[in-house]
Amino acid sequence: MPRKKRATAETPDTRGRILDTALSLFNADGAHAVSTRHIAARLAISPGNLYYHFANKEEIVLCLYERIEAQLEAILAPRDVAKAQSFDTVLRYLDDVFGHLWEFRFSTAT
């Protein structure tokens, strides 16, 4: 379960930056190859600062999976099936699905 932190002006921004950076590194190098030290170094913050926001890499991954789930639920939300769907609507839907898959690809590069 992710830690609950007191709200400060810096906390949401730093947590979000940590998640965005972790996602970028995971997509490029694979989650298995990226440590919390890699993430902290990329952000130019101390590992202690990162650990203030997240207990470990597993917690970061779990928060990213929450993003994945929320975005995918929004994409897959039921459409009005009573209306005939145009080709552009279907194409936009597929583009959203494949864009989502690309955003959270978590590379398996070695």
PDB file of N, CA and C in Angstrom:
ATOM      1  N   MET A   1       0.849  -1.174   0.000  1.00  0.00           N
ATOM      2  CA  MET A   1       0.000   0.000   0.000  1.00  0.00           C
ATOM      3  C   MET A   1       0.894   1.237   0.000  1.00  0.00           C
ATOM      4  N   PRO A   2       0.682   2.171  -0.915  1.00  0.00           N
ATOM      5  CA  PRO A   2       1.494   3.388  -0.966  1.00  0.00           C
ATOM      6  C   PRO A   2       1.382   4.189   0.324  1.00  0.00           C
ATOM      7  N   ARG A   3       2.471   4.824   0.673  1.00  0.00           N
ATOM      8  CA  ARG A   3       2.486   5.666   1.866  1.00  0.00           C
ATOM      9  C   ARG A   3       1.582   6.873   1.679  1.00  0.00           C
ATOM     10  N   LYS A   4       0.992   7.304   2.760  1.00  0.00           N
ATOM     11  CA  LYS A   4       0.219   8.543   2.753  1.00  0.00           C
ATOM     12  C   LYS A   4       1.109   9.622   3.352  1.00  0.00           C
ATOM     13  N   LYS A   5       1.367  10.653   2.594  1.00  0.00           N
ATOM     14  CA  LYS A   5       2.233  11.738   3.041  1.00  0.00           C
ATOM     15  C   LYS A   5       1.408  12.966   3.352  1.00  0.00           C
ATOM     16  N   ARG A   6       1.946  13.782   4.256  1.00  0.00           N
ATOM     17  CA  ARG A   6       1.276  15.052   4.527  1.00  0.00           C
ATOM     18  C   ARG A   6       1.352  15.914   3.270  1.00  0.00           C
ATOM     19  N   ALA A   7       0.353  16.688   3.062  1.00  0.00           N
ATOM     20  CA  ALA A   7       0.301  17.519   1.864  1.00  0.00           C
ATOM     21  C   ALA A   7       1.195  18.738   2.038  1.00  0.00           C
ATOM     22  N   THR A   8       2.076  18.928   1.099  1.00  0.00           N
ATOM     23  CA  THR A   8       2.880  20.140   1.048  1.00  0.00           C
ATOM     24  C   THR A   8       2.866  20.603  -0.394  1.00  0.00           C
ATOM     25  N   ALA A   9       3.330  21.798  -0.600  1.00  0.00           N
ATOM     26  CA  ALA A   9       3.370  22.320  -1.968  1.00  0.00           C
ATOM     27  C   ALA A   9       4.334  21.502  -2.819  1.00  0.00           C
ATOM     28  N   GLU A  10       5.420  20.972  -2.211  1.00  0.00           N
ATOM     29  CA  GLU A  10       6.423  20.238  -2.969  1.00  0.00           C
ATOM     30  C   GLU A  10       6.027  18.782  -3.208  1.00  0.00           C
ATOM     31  N   THR A  11       5.335  18.170  -2.280  1.00  0.00           N
ATOM     32  CA  THR A  11       5.076  16.739  -2.323  1.00  0.00           C
ATOM     33  C   THR A  11       4.415  16.263  -3.608  1.00  0.00           C
ATOM     34  N   PRO A  12       3.263  16.809  -4.037  1.00  0.00           N
ATOM     35  CA  PRO A  12       2.637  16.273  -5.257  1.00  0.00           C
ATOM     36  C   PRO A  12       3.530  16.442  -6.487  1.00  0.00           C
ATOM     37  N   ASP A  13       4.215  17.573  -6.581  1.00  0.00           N
ATOM     38  CA  ASP A  13       5.075  17.810  -7.728  1.00  0.00           C
ATOM     39  C   ASP A  13       6.241  16.828  -7.740  1.00  0.00           C
ATOM     40  N   THR A  14       6.894  16.625  -6.617  1.00  0.00           N
ATOM     41  CA  THR A  14       8.035  15.717  -6.550  1.00  0.00           C
ATOM     42  C   THR A  14       7.589  14.279  -6.783  1.00  0.00           C
ATOM     43  N   ARG A  15       6.498  13.879  -6.185  1.00  0.00           N
ATOM     44  CA  ARG A  15       5.989  12.510  -6.412  1.00  0.00           C
ATOM     45  C   ARG A  15       5.686  12.293  -7.894  1.00  0.00           C
ATOM     46  N   GLY A  16       5.040  13.252  -8.499  1.00  0.00           N
ATOM     47  CA  GLY A  16       4.719  13.137  -9.919  1.00  0.00           C
ATOM     48  C   GLY A  16       5.959  13.086 -10.790  1.00  0.00           C
ATOM     49  N   ARG A  17       6.947  13.917 -10.453  1.00  0.00           N
ATOM     50  CA  ARG A  17       8.209  13.908 -11.212  1.00  0.00           C
ATOM     51  C   ARG A  17       8.936  12.577 -11.055  1.00  0.00           C
ATOM     52  N   ILE A  18       8.891  12.014  -9.846  1.00  0.00           N
ATOM     53  CA  ILE A  18       9.515  10.705  -9.613  1.00  0.00           C
ATOM     54  C   ILE A  18       8.818   9.653 -10.461  1.00  0.00           C
ATOM     55  N   LEU A  19       7.498   9.663 -10.470  1.00  0.00           N
ATOM     56  CA  LEU A  19       6.748   8.683 -11.264  1.00  0.00           C
ATOM     57  C   LEU A  19       7.007   8.861 -12.758  1.00  0.00           C
ATOM     58  N   ASP A  20       7.006  10.089 -13.226  1.00  0.00           N
ATOM     59  CA  ASP A  20       7.257  10.344 -14.653  1.00  0.00           C
ATOM     60  C   ASP A  20       8.657   9.893 -15.059  1.00  0.00           C
ATOM     61  N   THR A  21       9.633  10.183 -14.217  1.00  0.00           N
ATOM     62  CA  THR A  21      11.009   9.796 -14.513  1.00  0.00           C
ATOM     63  C   THR A  21      11.167   8.288 -14.466  1.00  0.00           C
ATOM     64  N   ALA A  22      10.580   7.656 -13.467  1.00  0.00           N
ATOM     65  CA  ALA A  22      10.648   6.195 -13.369  1.00  0.00           C
ATOM     66  C   ALA A  22      10.032   5.552 -14.605  1.00  0.00           C
ATOM     67  N   LEU A  23       8.888   6.056 -15.038  1.00  0.00           N
ATOM     68  CA  LEU A  23       8.235   5.510 -16.223  1.00  0.00           C
ATOM     69  C   LEU A  23       9.139   5.644 -17.443  1.00  0.00           C
ATOM     70  N   SER A  24       9.752   6.796 -17.595  1.00  0.00           N
ATOM     71  CA  SER A  24      10.654   7.015 -18.720  1.00  0.00           C
ATOM     72  C   SER A  24      11.826   6.031 -18.687  1.00  0.00           C
ATOM     73  N   LEU A  25      12.413   5.847 -17.525  1.00  0.00           N
ATOM     74  CA  LEU A  25      13.532   4.904 -17.401  1.00  0.00           C
ATOM     75  C   LEU A  25      13.080   3.457 -17.592  1.00  0.00           C
ATOM     76  N   PHE A  26      11.934   3.096 -17.037  1.00  0.00           N
ATOM     77  CA  PHE A  26      11.420   1.738 -17.197  1.00  0.00           C
ATOM     78  C   PHE A  26      11.139   1.445 -18.668  1.00  0.00           C
ATOM     79  N   ASN A  27      10.578   2.429 -19.369  1.00  0.00           N
ATOM     80  CA  ASN A  27      10.282   2.240 -20.789  1.00  0.00           C
ATOM     81  C   ASN A  27      11.561   2.095 -21.612  1.00  0.00           C
ATOM     82  N   ALA A  28      12.604   2.800 -21.227  1.00  0.00           N
ATOM     83  CA  ALA A  28      13.858   2.766 -21.986  1.00  0.00           C
ATOM     84  C   ALA A  28      14.698   1.537 -21.666  1.00  0.00           C
ATOM     85  N   ASP A  29      14.793   1.195 -20.376  1.00  0.00           N
ATOM     86  CA  ASP A  29      15.741   0.168 -19.954  1.00  0.00           C
ATOM     87  C   ASP A  29      15.105  -1.073 -19.342  1.00  0.00           C
ATOM     88  N   GLY A  30      13.829  -1.014 -19.039  1.00  0.00           N
ATOM     89  CA  GLY A  30      13.160  -2.122 -18.356  1.00  0.00           C
ATOM     90  C   GLY A  30      13.183  -1.898 -16.855  1.00  0.00           C
ATOM     91  N   ALA A  31      12.099  -2.246 -16.196  1.00  0.00           N
ATOM     92  CA  ALA A  31      11.996  -2.032 -14.748  1.00  0.00           C
ATOM     93  C   ALA A  31      13.057  -2.815 -13.992  1.00  0.00           C
ATOM     94  N   HIS A  32      13.419  -3.980 -14.502  1.00  0.00           N
ATOM     95  CA  HIS A  32      14.412  -4.815 -13.830  1.00  0.00           C
ATOM     96  C   HIS A  32      15.795  -4.168 -13.794  1.00  0.00           C
ATOM     97  N   ALA A  33      16.097  -3.302 -14.751  1.00  0.00           N
ATOM     98  CA  ALA A  33      17.424  -2.693 -14.864  1.00  0.00           C
ATOM     99  C   ALA A  33      17.530  -1.335 -14.182  1.00  0.00           C
ATOM    100  N   VAL A  34      16.431  -0.825 -13.655  1.00  0.00           N
ATOM    101  CA  VAL A  34      16.412   0.520 -13.078  1.00  0.00           C
ATOM    102  C   VAL A  34      16.235   0.417 -11.564  1.00  0.00           C
ATOM    103  N   SER A  35      17.106   1.086 -10.840  1.00  0.00           N
ATOM    104  CA  SER A  35      16.998   1.114  -9.383  1.00  0.00           C
ATOM    105  C   SER A  35      16.487   2.477  -8.930  1.00  0.00           C
ATOM    106  N   THR A  36      16.156   2.558  -7.654  1.00  0.00           N
ATOM    107  CA  THR A  36      15.740   3.848  -7.108  1.00  0.00           C
ATOM    108  C   THR A  36      16.891   4.851  -7.182  1.00  0.00           C
ATOM    109  N   ARG A  37      18.104   4.382  -7.093  1.00  0.00           N
ATOM    110  CA  ARG A  37      19.266   5.279  -7.222  1.00  0.00           C
ATOM    111  C   ARG A  37      19.357   5.857  -8.633  1.00  0.00           C
ATOM    112  N   HIS A  38      19.040   5.040  -9.650  1.00  0.00           N
ATOM    113  CA  HIS A  38      19.010   5.545 -11.025  1.00  0.00           C
ATOM    114  C   HIS A  38      17.967   6.659 -11.161  1.00  0.00           C
ATOM    115  N   ILE A  39      16.805   6.421 -10.581  1.00  0.00           N
ATOM    116  CA  ILE A  39      15.717   7.399 -10.672  1.00  0.00           C
ATOM    117  C   ILE A  39      16.123   8.699  -9.969  1.00  0.00           C
ATOM    118  N   ALA A  40      16.669   8.574  -8.759  1.00  0.00           N
ATOM    119  CA  ALA A  40      17.089   9.758  -8.006  1.00  0.00           C
ATOM    120  C   ALA A  40      18.174  10.521  -8.763  1.00  0.00           C
ATOM    121  N   ALA A  41      19.131   9.787  -9.333  1.00  0.00           N
ATOM    122  CA  ALA A  41      20.213  10.445 -10.072  1.00  0.00           C
ATOM    123  C   ALA A  41      19.671  11.202 -11.279  1.00  0.00           C
ATOM    124  N   ARG A  42      18.741  10.608 -12.010  1.00  0.00           N
ATOM    125  CA  ARG A  42      18.162  11.273 -13.175  1.00  0.00           C
ATOM    126  C   ARG A  42      17.459  12.567 -12.775  1.00  0.00           C
ATOM    127  N   LEU A  43      16.832  12.566 -11.606  1.00  0.00           N
ATOM    128  CA  LEU A  43      16.120  13.747 -11.116  1.00  0.00           C
ATOM    129  C   LEU A  43      17.033  14.738 -10.398  1.00  0.00           C
ATOM    130  N   ALA A  44      18.270  14.335 -10.158  1.00  0.00           N
ATOM    131  CA  ALA A  44      19.217  15.148  -9.394  1.00  0.00           C
ATOM    132  C   ALA A  44      18.686  15.432  -7.985  1.00  0.00           C
ATOM    133  N   ILE A  45      18.124  14.386  -7.373  1.00  0.00           N
ATOM    134  CA  ILE A  45      17.702  14.468  -5.974  1.00  0.00           C
ATOM    135  C   ILE A  45      18.438  13.368  -5.218  1.00  0.00           C
ATOM    136  N   SER A  46      18.462  13.478  -3.920  1.00  0.00           N
ATOM    137  CA  SER A  46      19.119  12.451  -3.113  1.00  0.00           C
ATOM    138  C   SER A  46      18.227  11.215  -3.030  1.00  0.00           C
ATOM    139  N   PRO A  47      18.828  10.023  -2.871  1.00  0.00           N
ATOM    140  CA  PRO A  47      18.009   8.838  -2.649  1.00  0.00           C
ATOM    141  C   PRO A  47      17.086   9.000  -1.440  1.00  0.00           C
ATOM    142  N   GLY A  48      17.573   9.712  -0.421  1.00  0.00           N
ATOM    143  CA  GLY A  48      16.733   9.949   0.757  1.00  0.00           C
ATOM    144  C   GLY A  48      15.477  10.728   0.420  1.00  0.00           C
ATOM    145  N   ASN A  49      15.590  11.707  -0.468  1.00  0.00           N
ATOM    146  CA  ASN A  49      14.425  12.473  -0.897  1.00  0.00           C
ATOM    147  C   ASN A  49      13.445  11.562  -1.613  1.00  0.00           C
ATOM    148  N   LEU A  50      13.954  10.692  -2.479  1.00  0.00           N
ATOM    149  CA  LEU A  50      13.077   9.745  -3.169  1.00  0.00           C
ATOM    150  C   LEU A  50      12.374   8.843  -2.151  1.00  0.00           C
ATOM    151  N   TYR A  51      13.141   8.344  -1.156  1.00  0.00           N
ATOM    152  CA  TYR A  51      12.552   7.454  -0.147  1.00  0.00           C
ATOM    153  C   TYR A  51      11.564   8.174   0.759  1.00  0.00           C
ATOM    154  N   TYR A  52      11.639   9.485   0.822  1.00  0.00           N
ATOM    155  CA  TYR A  52      10.629  10.241   1.563  1.00  0.00           C
ATOM    156  C   TYR A  52       9.265  10.062   0.896  1.00  0.00           C
ATOM    157  N   HIS A  53       9.263   9.966  -0.423  1.00  0.00           N
ATOM    158  CA  HIS A  53       8.019   9.880  -1.182  1.00  0.00           C
ATOM    159  C   HIS A  53       7.588   8.442  -1.471  1.00  0.00           C
ATOM    160  N   PHE A  54       8.554   7.548  -1.636  1.00  0.00           N
ATOM    161  CA  PHE A  54       8.265   6.149  -1.954  1.00  0.00           C
ATOM    162  C   PHE A  54       9.199   5.257  -1.147  1.00  0.00           C
ATOM    163  N   ALA A  55       8.652   4.228  -0.526  1.00  0.00           N
ATOM    164  CA  ALA A  55       9.455   3.342   0.322  1.00  0.00           C
ATOM    165  C   ALA A  55      10.475   2.538  -0.489  1.00  0.00           C
ATOM    166  N   ASN A  56      10.120   2.197  -1.733  1.00  0.00           N
ATOM    167  CA  ASN A  56      10.998   1.361  -2.546  1.00  0.00           C
ATOM    168  C   ASN A  56      10.513   1.375  -3.999  1.00  0.00           C
ATOM    169  N   LYS A  57      11.230   0.670  -4.850  1.00  0.00           N
ATOM    170  CA  LYS A  57      10.866   0.641  -6.270  1.00  0.00           C
ATOM    171  C   LYS A  57       9.509  -0.034  -6.475  1.00  0.00           C
ATOM    172  N   GLU A  58       9.218  -1.034  -5.681  1.00  0.00           N
ATOM    173  CA  GLU A  58       7.921  -1.720  -5.814  1.00  0.00           C
ATOM    174  C   GLU A  58       6.760  -0.741  -5.642  1.00  0.00           C
ATOM    175  N   GLU A  59       6.886   0.167  -4.697  1.00  0.00           N
ATOM    176  CA  GLU A  59       5.830   1.155  -4.475  1.00  0.00           C
ATOM    177  C   GLU A  59       5.684   2.078  -5.683  1.00  0.00           C
ATOM    178  N   ILE A  60       6.797   2.429  -6.311  1.00  0.00           N
ATOM    179  CA  ILE A  60       6.757   3.257  -7.515  1.00  0.00           C
ATOM    180  C   ILE A  60       6.025   2.507  -8.624  1.00  0.00           C
ATOM    181  N   VAL A  61       6.378   1.238  -8.821  1.00  0.00           N
ATOM    182  CA  VAL A  61       5.735   0.425  -9.858  1.00  0.00           C
ATOM    183  C   VAL A  61       4.237   0.304  -9.584  1.00  0.00           C
ATOM    184  N   LEU A  62       3.862   0.083  -8.340  1.00  0.00           N
ATOM    185  CA  LEU A  62       2.436  -0.033  -8.004  1.00  0.00           C
ATOM    186  C   LEU A  62       1.683   1.265  -8.298  1.00  0.00           C
ATOM    187  N   CYS A  63       2.299   2.404  -8.029  1.00  0.00           N
ATOM    188  CA  CYS A  63       1.657   3.688  -8.351  1.00  0.00           C
ATOM    189  C   CYS A  63       1.522   3.862  -9.859  1.00  0.00           C
ATOM    190  N   LEU A  64       2.524   3.398 -10.607  1.00  0.00           N
ATOM    191  CA  LEU A  64       2.417   3.459 -12.070  1.00  0.00           C
ATOM    192  C   LEU A  64       1.309   2.543 -12.565  1.00  0.00           C
ATOM    193  N   TYR A  65       1.153   1.381 -11.954  1.00  0.00           N
ATOM    194  CA  TYR A  65       0.064   0.496 -12.353  1.00  0.00           C
ATOM    195  C   TYR A  65      -1.299   1.114 -12.045  1.00  0.00           C
ATOM    196  N   GLU A  66      -1.386   1.906 -10.985  1.00  0.00           N
ATOM    197  CA  GLU A  66      -2.637   2.623 -10.719  1.00  0.00           C
ATOM    198  C   GLU A  66      -2.935   3.603 -11.853  1.00  0.00           C
ATOM    199  N   ARG A  67      -1.892   4.277 -12.364  1.00  0.00           N
ATOM    200  CA  ARG A  67      -2.070   5.168 -13.521  1.00  0.00           C
ATOM    201  C   ARG A  67      -2.528   4.379 -14.734  1.00  0.00           C
ATOM    202  N   ILE A  68      -1.872   3.248 -14.969  1.00  0.00           N
ATOM    203  CA  ILE A  68      -2.229   2.402 -16.110  1.00  0.00           C
ATOM    204  C   ILE A  68      -3.696   2.026 -16.032  1.00  0.00           C
ATOM    205  N   GLU A  69      -4.112   1.557 -14.871  1.00  0.00           N
ATOM    206  CA  GLU A  69      -5.496   1.108 -14.695  1.00  0.00           C
ATOM    207  C   GLU A  69      -6.489   2.254 -14.902  1.00  0.00           C
ATOM    208  N   ALA A  70      -6.218   3.398 -14.308  1.00  0.00           N
ATOM    209  CA  ALA A  70      -7.139   4.532 -14.426  1.00  0.00           C
ATOM    210  C   ALA A  70      -7.265   4.998 -15.868  1.00  0.00           C
ATOM    211  N   GLN A  71      -6.131   5.105 -16.566  1.00  0.00           N
ATOM    212  CA  GLN A  71      -6.177   5.548 -17.959  1.00  0.00           C
ATOM    213  C   GLN A  71      -6.865   4.517 -18.849  1.00  0.00           C
ATOM    214  N   LEU A  72      -6.586   3.247 -18.613  1.00  0.00           N
ATOM    215  CA  LEU A  72      -7.201   2.205 -19.436  1.00  0.00           C
ATOM    216  C   LEU A  72      -8.706   2.134 -19.194  1.00  0.00           C
ATOM    217  N   GLU A  73      -9.128   2.297 -17.950  1.00  0.00           N
ATOM    218  CA  GLU A  73     -10.564   2.322 -17.665  1.00  0.00           C
ATOM    219  C   GLU A  73     -11.249   3.470 -18.401  1.00  0.00           C
ATOM    220  N   ALA A  74     -10.594   4.620 -18.467  1.00  0.00           N
ATOM    221  CA  ALA A  74     -11.167   5.763 -19.184  1.00  0.00           C
ATOM    222  C   ALA A  74     -11.264   5.476 -20.677  1.00  0.00           C
ATOM    223  N   ILE A  75     -10.251   4.826 -21.224  1.00  0.00           N
ATOM    224  CA  ILE A  75     -10.254   4.504 -22.656  1.00  0.00           C
ATOM    225  C   ILE A  75     -11.327   3.461 -22.967  1.00  0.00           C
ATOM    226  N   LEU A  76     -11.450   2.468 -22.104  1.00  0.00           N
ATOM    227  CA  LEU A  76     -12.367   1.356 -22.362  1.00  0.00           C
ATOM    228  C   LEU A  76     -13.775   1.582 -21.827  1.00  0.00           C
ATOM    229  N   ALA A  77     -14.050   2.767 -21.304  1.00  0.00           N
ATOM    230  CA  ALA A  77     -15.387   3.072 -20.785  1.00  0.00           C
ATOM    231  C   ALA A  77     -16.422   2.797 -21.868  1.00  0.00           C
ATOM    232  N   PRO A  78     -17.562   2.262 -21.466  1.00  0.00           N
ATOM    233  CA  PRO A  78     -18.592   1.942 -22.459  1.00  0.00           C
ATOM    234  C   PRO A  78     -18.969   3.155 -23.299  1.00  0.00           C
ATOM    235  N   ARG A  79     -19.055   2.916 -24.570  1.00  0.00           N
ATOM    236  CA  ARG A  79     -19.473   3.955 -25.516  1.00  0.00           C
ATOM    237  C   ARG A  79     -20.975   3.794 -25.762  1.00  0.00           C
ATOM    238  N   ASP A  80     -21.548   4.776 -26.372  1.00  0.00           N
ATOM    239  CA  ASP A  80     -22.965   4.696 -26.725  1.00  0.00           C
ATOM    240  C   ASP A  80     -23.089   3.751 -27.919  1.00  0.00           C
ATOM    241  N   VAL A  81     -23.381   2.478 -27.629  1.00  0.00           N
ATOM    242  CA  VAL A  81     -23.435   1.473 -28.692  1.00  0.00           C
ATOM    243  C   VAL A  81     -24.703   1.579 -29.528  1.00  0.00           C
ATOM    244  N   ALA A  82     -25.681   2.351 -29.064  1.00  0.00           N
ATOM    245  CA  ALA A  82     -26.908   2.519 -29.838  1.00  0.00           C
ATOM    246  C   ALA A  82     -26.641   3.335 -31.096  1.00  0.00           C
ATOM    247  N   LYS A  83     -25.639   4.222 -31.014  1.00  0.00           N
ATOM    248  CA  LYS A  83     -25.283   5.037 -32.173  1.00  0.00           C
ATOM    249  C   LYS A  83     -24.309   4.258 -33.052  1.00  0.00           C
ATOM    250  N   ALA A  84     -24.467   4.405 -34.334  1.00  0.00           N
ATOM    251  CA  ALA A  84     -23.505   3.797 -35.253  1.00  0.00           C
ATOM    252  C   ALA A  84     -22.171   4.526 -35.100  1.00  0.00           C
ATOM    253  N   GLN A  85     -21.105   3.769 -34.995  1.00  0.00           N
ATOM    254  CA  GLN A  85     -19.778   4.349 -34.807  1.00  0.00           C
ATOM    255  C   GLN A  85     -19.153   4.623 -36.171  1.00  0.00           C
ATOM    256  N   SER A  86     -18.643   5.812 -36.337  1.00  0.00           N
ATOM    257  CA  SER A  86     -17.987   6.147 -37.592  1.00  0.00           C
ATOM    258  C   SER A  86     -16.593   5.524 -37.603  1.00  0.00           C
ATOM    259  N   PHE A  87     -16.014   5.449 -38.789  1.00  0.00           N
ATOM    260  CA  PHE A  87     -14.664   4.923 -38.924  1.00  0.00           C
ATOM    261  C   PHE A  87     -13.684   5.761 -38.110  1.00  0.00           C
ATOM    262  N   ASP A  88     -13.862   7.081 -38.121  1.00  0.00           N
ATOM    263  CA  ASP A  88     -12.977   7.959 -37.363  1.00  0.00           C
ATOM    264  C   ASP A  88     -13.071   7.699 -35.863  1.00  0.00           C
ATOM    265  N   THR A  89     -14.262   7.398 -35.374  1.00  0.00           N
ATOM    266  CA  THR A  89     -14.446   7.107 -33.954  1.00  0.00           C
ATOM    267  C   THR A  89     -13.720   5.818 -33.576  1.00  0.00           C
ATOM    268  N   VAL A  90     -13.865   4.797 -34.402  1.00  0.00           N
ATOM    269  CA  VAL A  90     -13.188   3.525 -34.149  1.00  0.00           C
ATOM    270  C   VAL A  90     -11.677   3.705 -34.246  1.00  0.00           C
ATOM    271  N   LEU A  91     -11.229   4.447 -35.219  1.00  0.00           N
ATOM    272  CA  LEU A  91      -9.803   4.707 -35.384  1.00  0.00           C
ATOM    273  C   LEU A  91      -9.247   5.463 -34.181  1.00  0.00           C
ATOM    274  N   ARG A  92      -9.975   6.447 -33.688  1.00  0.00           N
ATOM    275  CA  ARG A  92      -9.553   7.210 -32.512  1.00  0.00           C
ATOM    276  C   ARG A  92      -9.471   6.289 -31.290  1.00  0.00           C
ATOM    277  N   TYR A  93     -10.438   5.388 -31.145  1.00  0.00           N
ATOM    278  CA  TYR A  93     -10.446   4.423 -30.042  1.00  0.00           C
ATOM    279  C   TYR A  93      -9.202   3.536 -30.104  1.00  0.00           C
ATOM    280  N   LEU A  94      -8.908   2.990 -31.284  1.00  0.00           N
ATOM    281  CA  LEU A  94      -7.727   2.142 -31.443  1.00  0.00           C
ATOM    282  C   LEU A  94      -6.445   2.929 -31.198  1.00  0.00           C
ATOM    283  N   ASP A  95      -6.416   4.164 -31.657  1.00  0.00           N
ATOM    284  CA  ASP A  95      -5.256   5.012 -31.424  1.00  0.00           C
ATOM    285  C   ASP A  95      -5.048   5.239 -29.929  1.00  0.00           C
ATOM    286  N   ASP A  96      -6.125   5.444 -29.187  1.00  0.00           N
ATOM    287  CA  ASP A  96      -6.041   5.612 -27.734  1.00  0.00           C
ATOM    288  C   ASP A  96      -5.502   4.352 -27.064  1.00  0.00           C
ATOM    289  N   VAL A  97      -6.001   3.195 -27.469  1.00  0.00           N
ATOM    290  CA  VAL A  97      -5.558   1.930 -26.878  1.00  0.00           C
ATOM    291  C   VAL A  97      -4.073   1.705 -27.155  1.00  0.00           C
ATOM    292  N   PHE A  98      -3.661   1.841 -28.409  1.00  0.00           N
ATOM    293  CA  PHE A  98      -2.255   1.593 -28.748  1.00  0.00           C
ATOM    294  C   PHE A  98      -1.338   2.676 -28.180  1.00  0.00           C
ATOM    295  N   GLY A  99      -1.822   3.904 -28.082  1.00  0.00           N
ATOM    296  CA  GLY A  99      -1.039   4.962 -27.435  1.00  0.00           C
ATOM    297  C   GLY A  99      -0.804   4.642 -25.969  1.00  0.00           C
ATOM    298  N   HIS A 100      -1.826   4.111 -25.325  1.00  0.00           N
ATOM    299  CA  HIS A 100      -1.714   3.716 -23.920  1.00  0.00           C
ATOM    300  C   HIS A 100      -0.697   2.589 -23.766  1.00  0.00           C
ATOM    301  N   LEU A 101      -0.765   1.594 -24.622  1.00  0.00           N
ATOM    302  CA  LEU A 101       0.198   0.497 -24.566  1.00  0.00           C
ATOM    303  C   LEU A 101       1.623   1.003 -24.745  1.00  0.00           C
ATOM    304  N   TRP A 102       1.816   1.965 -25.638  1.00  0.00           N
ATOM    305  CA  TRP A 102       3.148   2.509 -25.874  1.00  0.00           C
ATOM    306  C   TRP A 102       3.637   3.321 -24.678  1.00  0.00           C
ATOM    307  N   GLU A 103       2.748   4.084 -24.054  1.00  0.00           N
ATOM    308  CA  GLU A 103       3.136   4.930 -22.933  1.00  0.00           C
ATOM    309  C   GLU A 103       3.653   4.101 -21.756  1.00  0.00           C
ATOM    310  N   PHE A 104       3.105   2.910 -21.567  1.00  0.00           N
ATOM    311  CA  PHE A 104       3.476   2.056 -20.433  1.00  0.00           C
ATOM    312  C   PHE A 104       4.087   0.744 -20.933  1.00  0.00           C
ATOM    313  N   ARG A 105       5.072   0.836 -21.810  1.00  0.00           N
ATOM    314  CA  ARG A 105       5.621  -0.375 -22.439  1.00  0.00           C
ATOM    315  C   ARG A 105       6.610  -1.115 -21.559  1.00  0.00           C
ATOM    316  N   PHE A 106       7.248  -0.472 -20.593  1.00  0.00           N
ATOM    317  CA  PHE A 106       8.213  -1.111 -19.686  1.00  0.00           C
ATOM    318  C   PHE A 106       9.128  -2.060 -20.467  1.00  0.00           C
ATOM    319  N   SER A 107      10.046  -1.506 -21.176  1.00  0.00           N
ATOM    320  CA  SER A 107      10.944  -2.245 -22.054  1.00  0.00           C
ATOM    321  C   SER A 107      11.507  -3.508 -21.406  1.00  0.00           C
ATOM    322  N   THR A 108      11.766  -4.480 -22.234  1.00  0.00           N
ATOM    323  CA  THR A 108      12.415  -5.714 -21.762  1.00  0.00           C
ATOM    324  C   THR A 108      13.846  -5.773 -22.293  1.00  0.00           C
ATOM    325  N   ALA A 109      14.385  -4.622 -22.698  1.00  0.00           N
ATOM    326  CA  ALA A 109      15.760  -4.564 -23.202  1.00  0.00           C
ATOM    327  C   ALA A 109      16.722  -5.026 -22.132  1.00  0.00           C
ATOM    328  N   THR A 110      17.778  -5.635 -22.577  1.00  0.00           N
ATOM    329  CA  THR A 110      18.773  -6.113 -21.594  1.00  0.00           C
ATOM    330  C   THR A 110      20.055  -5.348 -21.700  1.00  0.00           C
TER     331      THR A 110
END
